[in-house]
């Protein structure tokens, strides 16, 4: 199954570390993901980047990435308060594709 990301939801960055991770995930705006393996690789890449930034900014709150419900990635401080998200990404399944060709119909 294919998936797509319309755009990551981001909130005002609390510090430089949050700004850097938001800049990183914004590259996935309007991104098509080919399959579950690619989706899992994307999640790992995001987790690795967050861990890299946690190590680069040790005096800030540690961030963690969570993948839930098969379609939602979120990032927030380990000891978070109410609504302290850094970003959230909805991964939508591609339910249908359309292409105009010689048959004039659906692909």
PDB file of N, CA and C in Angstrom:
ATOM      1  N   UNK A   1       0.841  -1.180   0.000  1.00  0.00           N
ATOM      2  CA  UNK A   1       0.000   0.000   0.000  1.00  0.00           C
ATOM      3  C   UNK A   1       0.884   1.239   0.000  1.00  0.00           C
ATOM      4  N   UNK A   2       0.499   2.239  -0.764  1.00  0.00           N
ATOM      5  CA  UNK A   2       1.180   3.534  -0.787  1.00  0.00           C
ATOM      6  C   UNK A   2       0.596   4.447   0.275  1.00  0.00           C
ATOM      7  N   UNK A   3       1.414   5.407   0.715  1.00  0.00           N
ATOM      8  CA  UNK A   3       0.993   6.401   1.696  1.00  0.00           C
ATOM      9  C   UNK A   3       1.464   7.761   1.228  1.00  0.00           C
ATOM     10  N   UNK A   4       0.874   8.801   1.813  1.00  0.00           N
ATOM     11  CA  UNK A   4       1.374  10.141   1.532  1.00  0.00           C
ATOM     12  C   UNK A   4       1.264  11.010   2.768  1.00  0.00           C
ATOM     13  N   UNK A   5       2.124  12.022   2.793  1.00  0.00           N
ATOM     14  CA  UNK A   5       2.105  13.033   3.844  1.00  0.00           C
ATOM     15  C   UNK A   5       1.723  14.329   3.161  1.00  0.00           C
ATOM     16  N   UNK A   6       0.624  14.906   3.580  1.00  0.00           N
ATOM     17  CA  UNK A   6       0.225  16.185   3.003  1.00  0.00           C
ATOM     18  C   UNK A   6       1.164  17.277   3.495  1.00  0.00           C
ATOM     19  N   UNK A   7       1.223  17.429   4.806  1.00  0.00           N
ATOM     20  CA  UNK A   7       2.181  18.363   5.398  1.00  0.00           C
ATOM     21  C   UNK A   7       2.319  18.055   6.880  1.00  0.00           C
ATOM     22  N   UNK A   8       3.517  18.207   7.428  1.00  0.00           N
ATOM     23  CA  UNK A   8       3.679  18.057   8.869  1.00  0.00           C
ATOM     24  C   UNK A   8       3.031  19.241   9.589  1.00  0.00           C
ATOM     25  N   UNK A   9       2.394  18.971  10.702  1.00  0.00           N
ATOM     26  CA  UNK A   9       1.861  20.044  11.547  1.00  0.00           C
ATOM     27  C   UNK A   9       2.958  20.442  12.513  1.00  0.00           C
ATOM     28  N   UNK A  10       3.256  21.728  12.566  1.00  0.00           N
ATOM     29  CA  UNK A  10       4.285  22.220  13.470  1.00  0.00           C
ATOM     30  C   UNK A  10       3.715  23.366  14.297  1.00  0.00           C
ATOM     31  N   UNK A  11       4.332  23.584  15.443  1.00  0.00           N
ATOM     32  CA  UNK A  11       3.950  24.664  16.329  1.00  0.00           C
ATOM     33  C   UNK A  11       5.163  25.553  16.543  1.00  0.00           C
ATOM     34  N   UNK A  12       4.961  26.684  17.167  1.00  0.00           N
ATOM     35  CA  UNK A  12       6.064  27.601  17.406  1.00  0.00           C
ATOM     36  C   UNK A  12       7.195  26.866  18.117  1.00  0.00           C
ATOM     37  N   UNK A  13       8.376  26.957  17.559  1.00  0.00           N
ATOM     38  CA  UNK A  13       9.538  26.244  18.110  1.00  0.00           C
ATOM     39  C   UNK A  13       9.951  26.868  19.439  1.00  0.00           C
ATOM     40  N   UNK A  14      10.143  26.012  20.453  1.00  0.00           N
ATOM     41  CA  UNK A  14      10.534  26.478  21.784  1.00  0.00           C
ATOM     42  C   UNK A  14      12.010  26.877  21.840  1.00  0.00           C
ATOM     43  N   UNK A  15      12.821  26.291  20.955  1.00  0.00           N
ATOM     44  CA  UNK A  15      14.256  26.565  20.970  1.00  0.00           C
ATOM     45  C   UNK A  15      14.850  26.161  19.611  1.00  0.00           C
ATOM     46  N   UNK A  16      16.150  26.296  19.490  1.00  0.00           N
ATOM     47  CA  UNK A  16      16.835  25.996  18.228  1.00  0.00           C
ATOM     48  C   UNK A  16      16.717  24.518  17.863  1.00  0.00           C
ATOM     49  N   UNK A  17      16.772  23.647  18.858  1.00  0.00           N
ATOM     50  CA  UNK A  17      16.649  22.211  18.586  1.00  0.00           C
ATOM     51  C   UNK A  17      15.293  21.909  17.950  1.00  0.00           C
ATOM     52  N   UNK A  18      14.221  22.456  18.505  1.00  0.00           N
ATOM     53  CA  UNK A  18      12.884  22.232  17.942  1.00  0.00           C
ATOM     54  C   UNK A  18      12.777  22.811  16.530  1.00  0.00           C
ATOM     55  N   UNK A  19      13.391  23.978  16.323  1.00  0.00           N
ATOM     56  CA  UNK A  19      13.377  24.584  14.989  1.00  0.00           C
ATOM     57  C   UNK A  19      14.089  23.690  13.978  1.00  0.00           C
ATOM     58  N   UNK A  20      15.205  23.087  14.392  1.00  0.00           N
ATOM     59  CA  UNK A  20      15.948  22.215  13.482  1.00  0.00           C
ATOM     60  C   UNK A  20      15.157  20.952  13.128  1.00  0.00           C
ATOM     61  N   UNK A  21      14.492  20.359  14.101  1.00  0.00           N
ATOM     62  CA  UNK A  21      13.722  19.145  13.791  1.00  0.00           C
ATOM     63  C   UNK A  21      12.509  19.498  12.935  1.00  0.00           C
ATOM     64  N   UNK A  22      11.903  20.660  13.156  1.00  0.00           N
ATOM     65  CA  UNK A  22      10.786  21.080  12.311  1.00  0.00           C
ATOM     66  C   UNK A  22      11.245  21.324  10.880  1.00  0.00           C
ATOM     67  N   UNK A  23      12.392  21.933  10.732  1.00  0.00           N
ATOM     68  CA  UNK A  23      12.957  22.141   9.385  1.00  0.00           C
ATOM     69  C   UNK A  23      13.202  20.792   8.704  1.00  0.00           C
ATOM     70  N   UNK A  24      13.708  19.834   9.464  1.00  0.00           N
ATOM     71  CA  UNK A  24      13.971  18.500   8.924  1.00  0.00           C
ATOM     72  C   UNK A  24      12.680  17.827   8.452  1.00  0.00           C
ATOM     73  N   UNK A  25      11.633  17.816   9.271  1.00  0.00           N
ATOM     74  CA  UNK A  25      10.406  17.112   8.884  1.00  0.00           C
ATOM     75  C   UNK A  25       9.620  17.856   7.805  1.00  0.00           C
ATOM     76  N   UNK A  26       9.824  19.161   7.681  1.00  0.00           N
ATOM     77  CA  UNK A  26       9.117  19.902   6.635  1.00  0.00           C
ATOM     78  C   UNK A  26       9.538  19.481   5.229  1.00  0.00           C
ATOM     79  N   UNK A  27      10.689  18.822   5.097  1.00  0.00           N
ATOM     80  CA  UNK A  27      11.102  18.330   3.784  1.00  0.00           C
ATOM     81  C   UNK A  27      10.178  17.218   3.284  1.00  0.00           C
ATOM     82  N   UNK A  28       9.367  16.642   4.171  1.00  0.00           N
ATOM     83  CA  UNK A  28       8.474  15.558   3.786  1.00  0.00           C
ATOM     84  C   UNK A  28       7.073  16.053   3.401  1.00  0.00           C
ATOM     85  N   UNK A  29       6.915  17.359   3.256  1.00  0.00           N
ATOM     86  CA  UNK A  29       5.640  17.915   2.813  1.00  0.00           C
ATOM     87  C   UNK A  29       5.323  17.378   1.417  1.00  0.00           C
ATOM     88  N   UNK A  30       4.077  16.926   1.214  1.00  0.00           N
ATOM     89  CA  UNK A  30       3.609  16.364  -0.059  1.00  0.00           C
ATOM     90  C   UNK A  30       4.459  15.181  -0.512  1.00  0.00           C
ATOM     91  N   UNK A  31       4.821  14.331   0.430  1.00  0.00           N
ATOM     92  CA  UNK A  31       5.691  13.189   0.164  1.00  0.00           C
ATOM     93  C   UNK A  31       4.871  11.917  -0.054  1.00  0.00           C
ATOM     94  N   UNK A  32       5.228  11.167  -1.079  1.00  0.00           N
ATOM     95  CA  UNK A  32       4.626   9.861  -1.340  1.00  0.00           C
ATOM     96  C   UNK A  32       5.549   8.797  -0.767  1.00  0.00           C
ATOM     97  N   UNK A  33       4.970   7.862  -0.020  1.00  0.00           N
ATOM     98  CA  UNK A  33       5.715   6.766   0.589  1.00  0.00           C
ATOM     99  C   UNK A  33       5.262   5.485  -0.094  1.00  0.00           C
ATOM    100  N   UNK A  34       6.191   4.723  -0.637  1.00  0.00           N
ATOM    101  CA  UNK A  34       5.849   3.596  -1.492  1.00  0.00           C
ATOM    102  C   UNK A  34       5.193   2.416  -0.787  1.00  0.00           C
ATOM    103  N   UNK A  35       5.609   2.113   0.439  1.00  0.00           N
ATOM    104  CA  UNK A  35       5.072   0.929   1.109  1.00  0.00           C
ATOM    105  C   UNK A  35       5.366   0.993   2.601  1.00  0.00           C
ATOM    106  N   UNK A  36       4.969  -0.057   3.329  1.00  0.00           N
ATOM    107  CA  UNK A  36       5.157  -0.097   4.775  1.00  0.00           C
ATOM    108  C   UNK A  36       6.637  -0.078   5.154  1.00  0.00           C
ATOM    109  N   UNK A  37       7.461  -0.768   4.376  1.00  0.00           N
ATOM    110  CA  UNK A  37       8.900  -0.792   4.650  1.00  0.00           C
ATOM    111  C   UNK A  37       9.483   0.614   4.546  1.00  0.00           C
ATOM    112  N   UNK A  38       9.082   1.353   3.538  1.00  0.00           N
ATOM    113  CA  UNK A  38       9.552   2.730   3.368  1.00  0.00           C
ATOM    114  C   UNK A  38       9.023   3.623   4.487  1.00  0.00           C
ATOM    115  N   UNK A  39       7.772   3.413   4.882  1.00  0.00           N
ATOM    116  CA  UNK A  39       7.185   4.175   5.993  1.00  0.00           C
ATOM    117  C   UNK A  39       7.997   3.939   7.267  1.00  0.00           C
ATOM    118  N   UNK A  40       8.318   2.681   7.547  1.00  0.00           N
ATOM    119  CA  UNK A  40       9.091   2.348   8.738  1.00  0.00           C
ATOM    120  C   UNK A  40      10.492   2.954   8.680  1.00  0.00           C
ATOM    121  N   UNK A  41      11.091   2.983   7.487  1.00  0.00           N
ATOM    122  CA  UNK A  41      12.415   3.589   7.317  1.00  0.00           C
ATOM    123  C   UNK A  41      12.343   5.095   7.565  1.00  0.00           C
ATOM    124  N   UNK A  42      11.267   5.728   7.122  1.00  0.00           N
ATOM    125  CA  UNK A  42      11.082   7.160   7.349  1.00  0.00           C
ATOM    126  C   UNK A  42      10.976   7.446   8.847  1.00  0.00           C
ATOM    127  N   UNK A  43      10.212   6.647   9.554  1.00  0.00           N
ATOM    128  CA  UNK A  43      10.061   6.826  10.999  1.00  0.00           C
ATOM    129  C   UNK A  43      11.410   6.666  11.691  1.00  0.00           C
ATOM    130  N   UNK A  44      12.188   5.668  11.280  1.00  0.00           N
ATOM    131  CA  UNK A  44      13.516   5.461  11.863  1.00  0.00           C
ATOM    132  C   UNK A  44      14.420   6.659  11.582  1.00  0.00           C
ATOM    133  N   UNK A  45      14.359   7.187  10.360  1.00  0.00           N
ATOM    134  CA  UNK A  45      15.178   8.350  10.011  1.00  0.00           C
ATOM    135  C   UNK A  45      14.821   9.547  10.887  1.00  0.00           C
ATOM    136  N   UNK A  46      13.539   9.755  11.124  1.00  0.00           N
ATOM    137  CA  UNK A  46      13.099  10.864  11.978  1.00  0.00           C
ATOM    138  C   UNK A  46      13.572  10.633  13.418  1.00  0.00           C
ATOM    139  N   UNK A  47      13.411   9.413  13.917  1.00  0.00           N
ATOM    140  CA  UNK A  47      13.875   9.098  15.283  1.00  0.00           C
ATOM    141  C   UNK A  47      15.383   9.307  15.412  1.00  0.00           C
ATOM    142  N   UNK A  48      16.137   8.889  14.406  1.00  0.00           N
ATOM    143  CA  UNK A  48      17.588   9.076  14.432  1.00  0.00           C
ATOM    144  C   UNK A  48      17.955  10.554  14.472  1.00  0.00           C
ATOM    145  N   UNK A  49      17.245  11.374  13.696  1.00  0.00           N
ATOM    146  CA  UNK A  49      17.513  12.822  13.675  1.00  0.00           C
ATOM    147  C   UNK A  49      17.198  13.441  15.032  1.00  0.00           C
ATOM    148  N   UNK A  50      16.088  13.027  15.634  1.00  0.00           N
ATOM    149  CA  UNK A  50      15.730  13.551  16.953  1.00  0.00           C
ATOM    150  C   UNK A  50      16.783  13.148  17.981  1.00  0.00           C
ATOM    151  N   UNK A  51      17.248  11.916  17.928  1.00  0.00           N
ATOM    152  CA  UNK A  51      18.294  11.471  18.860  1.00  0.00           C
ATOM    153  C   UNK A  51      19.589  12.248  18.636  1.00  0.00           C
ATOM    154  N   UNK A  52      19.934  12.495  17.383  1.00  0.00           N
ATOM    155  CA  UNK A  52      21.118  13.300  17.062  1.00  0.00           C
ATOM    156  C   UNK A  52      21.003  14.694  17.687  1.00  0.00           C
ATOM    157  N   UNK A  53      19.826  15.303  17.568  1.00  0.00           N
ATOM    158  CA  UNK A  53      19.626  16.644  18.124  1.00  0.00           C
ATOM    159  C   UNK A  53      19.555  16.614  19.647  1.00  0.00           C
ATOM    160  N   UNK A  54      19.007  15.548  20.226  1.00  0.00           N
ATOM    161  CA  UNK A  54      19.022  15.416  21.688  1.00  0.00           C
ATOM    162  C   UNK A  54      20.456  15.413  22.198  1.00  0.00           C
ATOM    163  N   UNK A  55      21.344  14.718  21.483  1.00  0.00           N
ATOM    164  CA  UNK A  55      22.753  14.668  21.882  1.00  0.00           C
ATOM    165  C   UNK A  55      23.467  15.991  21.625  1.00  0.00           C
ATOM    166  N   UNK A  56      23.079  16.699  20.579  1.00  0.00           N
ATOM    167  CA  UNK A  56      23.710  17.976  20.235  1.00  0.00           C
ATOM    168  C   UNK A  56      23.289  19.099  21.189  1.00  0.00           C
ATOM    169  N   UNK A  57      22.099  18.975  21.780  1.00  0.00           N
ATOM    170  CA  UNK A  57      21.565  19.991  22.696  1.00  0.00           C
ATOM    171  C   UNK A  57      21.237  19.334  24.043  1.00  0.00           C
ATOM    172  N   UNK A  58      22.258  18.936  24.808  1.00  0.00           N
ATOM    173  CA  UNK A  58      22.006  18.187  26.042  1.00  0.00           C
ATOM    174  C   UNK A  58      21.336  18.987  27.156  1.00  0.00           C
ATOM    175  N   UNK A  59      21.355  20.306  27.095  1.00  0.00           N
ATOM    176  CA  UNK A  59      20.768  21.122  28.162  1.00  0.00           C
ATOM    177  C   UNK A  59      19.279  21.398  27.943  1.00  0.00           C
ATOM    178  N   UNK A  60      18.730  20.912  26.835  1.00  0.00           N
ATOM    179  CA  UNK A  60      17.299  21.099  26.572  1.00  0.00           C
ATOM    180  C   UNK A  60      16.544  19.831  26.948  1.00  0.00           C
ATOM    181  N   UNK A  61      15.210  19.943  26.993  1.00  0.00           N
ATOM    182  CA  UNK A  61      14.385  18.762  27.267  1.00  0.00           C
ATOM    183  C   UNK A  61      14.590  17.739  26.162  1.00  0.00           C
ATOM    184  N   UNK A  62      14.713  16.475  26.553  1.00  0.00           N
ATOM    185  CA  UNK A  62      14.832  15.401  25.551  1.00  0.00           C
ATOM    186  C   UNK A  62      13.514  15.261  24.813  1.00  0.00           C
ATOM    187  N   UNK A  63      13.618  15.095  23.498  1.00  0.00           N
ATOM    188  CA  UNK A  63      12.435  14.881  22.676  1.00  0.00           C
ATOM    189  C   UNK A  63      12.301  13.394  22.383  1.00  0.00           C
ATOM    190  N   UNK A  64      11.077  12.956  22.181  1.00  0.00           N
ATOM    191  CA  UNK A  64      10.849  11.571  21.771  1.00  0.00           C
ATOM    192  C   UNK A  64       9.851  11.552  20.628  1.00  0.00           C
ATOM    193  N   UNK A  65       9.949  10.520  19.809  1.00  0.00           N
ATOM    194  CA  UNK A  65       9.073  10.351  18.651  1.00  0.00           C
ATOM    195  C   UNK A  65       8.224   9.118  18.897  1.00  0.00           C
ATOM    196  N   UNK A  66       6.946   9.259  18.643  1.00  0.00           N
ATOM    197  CA  UNK A  66       6.013   8.144  18.826  1.00  0.00           C
ATOM    198  C   UNK A  66       5.237   7.912  17.533  1.00  0.00           C
ATOM    199  N   UNK A  67       5.069   6.646  17.194  1.00  0.00           N
ATOM    200  CA  UNK A  67       4.275   6.251  16.029  1.00  0.00           C
ATOM    201  C   UNK A  67       3.083   5.478  16.561  1.00  0.00           C
ATOM    202  N   UNK A  68       1.884   5.943  16.253  1.00  0.00           N
ATOM    203  CA  UNK A  68       0.705   5.279  16.808  1.00  0.00           C
ATOM    204  C   UNK A  68      -0.416   5.186  15.789  1.00  0.00           C
ATOM    205  N   UNK A  69      -1.288   4.253  16.036  1.00  0.00           N
ATOM    206  CA  UNK A  69      -2.489   4.022  15.225  1.00  0.00           C
ATOM    207  C   UNK A  69      -2.177   3.744  13.759  1.00  0.00           C
ATOM    208  N   UNK A  70      -0.941   3.409  13.436  1.00  0.00           N
ATOM    209  CA  UNK A  70      -0.578   3.065  12.075  1.00  0.00           C
ATOM    210  C   UNK A  70      -0.520   4.225  11.114  1.00  0.00           C
ATOM    211  N   UNK A  71      -0.783   5.450  11.604  1.00  0.00           N
ATOM    212  CA  UNK A  71      -0.819   6.575  10.674  1.00  0.00           C
ATOM    213  C   UNK A  71      -0.443   7.912  11.295  1.00  0.00           C
ATOM    214  N   UNK A  72       0.115   7.915  12.493  1.00  0.00           N
ATOM    215  CA  UNK A  72       0.354   9.177  13.187  1.00  0.00           C
ATOM    216  C   UNK A  72       1.728   9.165  13.846  1.00  0.00           C
ATOM    217  N   UNK A  73       2.572  10.129  13.468  1.00  0.00           N
ATOM    218  CA  UNK A  73       3.887  10.308  14.080  1.00  0.00           C
ATOM    219  C   UNK A  73       3.845  11.617  14.854  1.00  0.00           C
ATOM    220  N   UNK A  74       4.286  11.585  16.099  1.00  0.00           N
ATOM    221  CA  UNK A  74       4.333  12.813  16.879  1.00  0.00           C
ATOM    222  C   UNK A  74       5.657  12.926  17.610  1.00  0.00           C
ATOM    223  N   UNK A  75       6.044  14.152  17.897  1.00  0.00           N
ATOM    224  CA  UNK A  75       7.289  14.422  18.606  1.00  0.00           C
ATOM    225  C   UNK A  75       6.970  15.429  19.706  1.00  0.00           C
ATOM    226  N   UNK A  76       7.462  15.134  20.912  1.00  0.00           N
ATOM    227  CA  UNK A  76       7.196  15.987  22.062  1.00  0.00           C
ATOM    228  C   UNK A  76       8.261  15.734  23.121  1.00  0.00           C
ATOM    229  N   UNK A  77       8.379  16.654  24.094  1.00  0.00           N
ATOM    230  CA  UNK A  77       9.346  16.437  25.172  1.00  0.00           C
ATOM    231  C   UNK A  77       8.997  15.200  25.985  1.00  0.00           C
ATOM    232  N   UNK A  78      10.027  14.510  26.456  1.00  0.00           N
ATOM    233  CA  UNK A  78       9.849  13.305  27.268  1.00  0.00           C
ATOM    234  C   UNK A  78       8.968  13.587  28.489  1.00  0.00           C
ATOM    235  N   UNK A  79       9.226  14.684  29.174  1.00  0.00           N
ATOM    236  CA  UNK A  79       8.379  15.099  30.300  1.00  0.00           C
ATOM    237  C   UNK A  79       7.527  16.263  29.811  1.00  0.00           C
ATOM    238  N   UNK A  80       6.473  15.943  29.108  1.00  0.00           N
ATOM    239  CA  UNK A  80       5.700  17.004  28.469  1.00  0.00           C
ATOM    240  C   UNK A  80       4.553  17.476  29.349  1.00  0.00           C
ATOM    241  N   UNK A  81       4.171  18.704  29.078  1.00  0.00           N
ATOM    242  CA  UNK A  81       2.972  19.256  29.669  1.00  0.00           C
ATOM    243  C   UNK A  81       1.853  19.121  28.652  1.00  0.00           C
ATOM    244  N   UNK A  82       0.821  19.871  28.829  1.00  0.00           N
ATOM    245  CA  UNK A  82      -0.320  19.818  27.925  1.00  0.00           C
ATOM    246  C   UNK A  82       0.055  20.462  26.594  1.00  0.00           C
ATOM    247  N   UNK A  83      -0.204  19.751  25.510  1.00  0.00           N
ATOM    248  CA  UNK A  83      -0.012  20.278  24.150  1.00  0.00           C
ATOM    249  C   UNK A  83       1.390  20.833  23.885  1.00  0.00           C
ATOM    250  N   UNK A  84       2.399  20.118  24.264  1.00  0.00           N
ATOM    251  CA  UNK A  84       3.766  20.540  23.998  1.00  0.00           C
ATOM    252  C   UNK A  84       4.351  19.833  22.789  1.00  0.00           C
ATOM    253  N   UNK A  85       3.594  19.678  21.746  1.00  0.00           N
ATOM    254  CA  UNK A  85       4.093  18.994  20.554  1.00  0.00           C
ATOM    255  C   UNK A  85       5.094  19.863  19.809  1.00  0.00           C
ATOM    256  N   UNK A  86       6.092  19.214  19.217  1.00  0.00           N
ATOM    257  CA  UNK A  86       7.037  19.885  18.340  1.00  0.00           C
ATOM    258  C   UNK A  86       6.537  19.746  16.904  1.00  0.00           C
ATOM    259  N   UNK A  87       6.094  18.530  16.544  1.00  0.00           N
ATOM    260  CA  UNK A  87       5.454  18.306  15.249  1.00  0.00           C
ATOM    261  C   UNK A  87       4.563  17.076  15.340  1.00  0.00           C
ATOM    262  N   UNK A  88       3.665  16.980  14.390  1.00  0.00           N
ATOM    263  CA  UNK A  88       2.821  15.796  14.223  1.00  0.00           C
ATOM    264  C   UNK A  88       2.629  15.589  12.728  1.00  0.00           C
ATOM    265  N   UNK A  89       2.671  14.332  12.328  1.00  0.00           N
ATOM    266  CA  UNK A  89       2.520  13.989  10.907  1.00  0.00           C
ATOM    267  C   UNK A  89       1.452  12.919  10.787  1.00  0.00           C
ATOM    268  N   UNK A  90       0.459  13.182   9.957  1.00  0.00           N
ATOM    269  CA  UNK A  90      -0.528  12.162   9.606  1.00  0.00           C
ATOM    270  C   UNK A  90      -0.065  11.494   8.320  1.00  0.00           C
ATOM    271  N   UNK A  91       0.017  10.177   8.360  1.00  0.00           N
ATOM    272  CA  UNK A  91       0.386   9.405   7.174  1.00  0.00           C
ATOM    273  C   UNK A  91      -0.904   8.813   6.613  1.00  0.00           C
ATOM    274  N   UNK A  92      -1.304   9.298   5.454  1.00  0.00           N
ATOM    275  CA  UNK A  92      -2.570   8.877   4.852  1.00  0.00           C
ATOM    276  C   UNK A  92      -2.344   7.744   3.856  1.00  0.00           C
ATOM    277  N   UNK A  93      -3.169   6.701   3.903  1.00  0.00           N
ATOM    278  CA  UNK A  93      -3.057   5.665   2.876  1.00  0.00           C
ATOM    279  C   UNK A  93      -3.601   6.193   1.551  1.00  0.00           C
ATOM    280  N   UNK A  94      -2.955   5.821   0.460  1.00  0.00           N
ATOM    281  CA  UNK A  94      -3.456   6.176  -0.871  1.00  0.00           C
ATOM    282  C   UNK A  94      -4.533   5.151  -1.209  1.00  0.00           C
ATOM    283  N   UNK A  95      -5.753   5.606  -1.301  1.00  0.00           N
ATOM    284  CA  UNK A  95      -6.873   4.696  -1.537  1.00  0.00           C
ATOM    285  C   UNK A  95      -7.156   4.482  -3.015  1.00  0.00           C
ATOM    286  N   UNK A  96      -6.732   5.448  -3.833  1.00  0.00           N
ATOM    287  CA  UNK A  96      -7.053   5.354  -5.251  1.00  0.00           C
ATOM    288  C   UNK A  96      -6.088   6.230  -6.032  1.00  0.00           C
ATOM    289  N   UNK A  97      -5.716   5.773  -7.199  1.00  0.00           N
ATOM    290  CA  UNK A  97      -4.946   6.603  -8.114  1.00  0.00           C
ATOM    291  C   UNK A  97      -5.741   6.743  -9.408  1.00  0.00           C
ATOM    292  N   UNK A  98      -5.484   7.797 -10.120  1.00  0.00           N
ATOM    293  CA  UNK A  98      -6.199   8.038 -11.362  1.00  0.00           C
ATOM    294  C   UNK A  98      -5.202   8.494 -12.402  1.00  0.00           C
ATOM    295  N   UNK A  99      -5.332   7.967 -13.582  1.00  0.00           N
ATOM    296  CA  UNK A  99      -4.493   8.397 -14.685  1.00  0.00           C
ATOM    297  C   UNK A  99      -5.278   8.332 -15.975  1.00  0.00           C
ATOM    298  N   UNK A 100      -5.071   9.295 -16.814  1.00  0.00           N
ATOM    299  CA  UNK A 100      -5.756   9.315 -18.098  1.00  0.00           C
ATOM    300  C   UNK A 100      -4.834   8.666 -19.119  1.00  0.00           C
ATOM    301  N   UNK A 101      -5.311   7.640 -19.738  1.00  0.00           N
ATOM    302  CA  UNK A 101      -4.502   6.935 -20.724  1.00  0.00           C
ATOM    303  C   UNK A 101      -5.383   6.498 -21.887  1.00  0.00           C
ATOM    304  N   UNK A 102      -4.909   5.529 -22.630  1.00  0.00           N
ATOM    305  CA  UNK A 102      -5.659   5.054 -23.771  1.00  0.00           C
ATOM    306  C   UNK A 102      -7.014   4.459 -23.369  1.00  0.00           C
ATOM    307  N   UNK A 103      -7.065   3.851 -22.211  1.00  0.00           N
ATOM    308  CA  UNK A 103      -8.350   3.289 -21.778  1.00  0.00           C
ATOM    309  C   UNK A 103      -9.241   4.359 -21.184  1.00  0.00           C
ATOM    310  N   UNK A 104      -8.638   5.512 -20.812  1.00  0.00           N
ATOM    311  CA  UNK A 104      -9.417   6.615 -20.302  1.00  0.00           C
ATOM    312  C   UNK A 104      -9.929   6.400 -18.881  1.00  0.00           C
ATOM    313  N   UNK A 105      -9.384   5.419 -18.200  1.00  0.00           N
ATOM    314  CA  UNK A 105      -9.919   5.124 -16.882  1.00  0.00           C
ATOM    315  C   UNK A 105      -8.867   5.085 -15.807  1.00  0.00           C
ATOM    316  N   UNK A 106      -9.241   4.436 -14.780  1.00  0.00           N
ATOM    317  CA  UNK A 106      -8.428   4.322 -13.581  1.00  0.00           C
ATOM    318  C   UNK A 106      -7.234   3.410 -13.810  1.00  0.00           C
ATOM    319  N   UNK A 107      -6.144   3.724 -13.148  1.00  0.00           N
ATOM    320  CA  UNK A 107      -4.929   2.898 -13.219  1.00  0.00           C
ATOM    321  C   UNK A 107      -4.963   1.903 -12.085  1.00  0.00           C
TER     322      UNK A 107
END
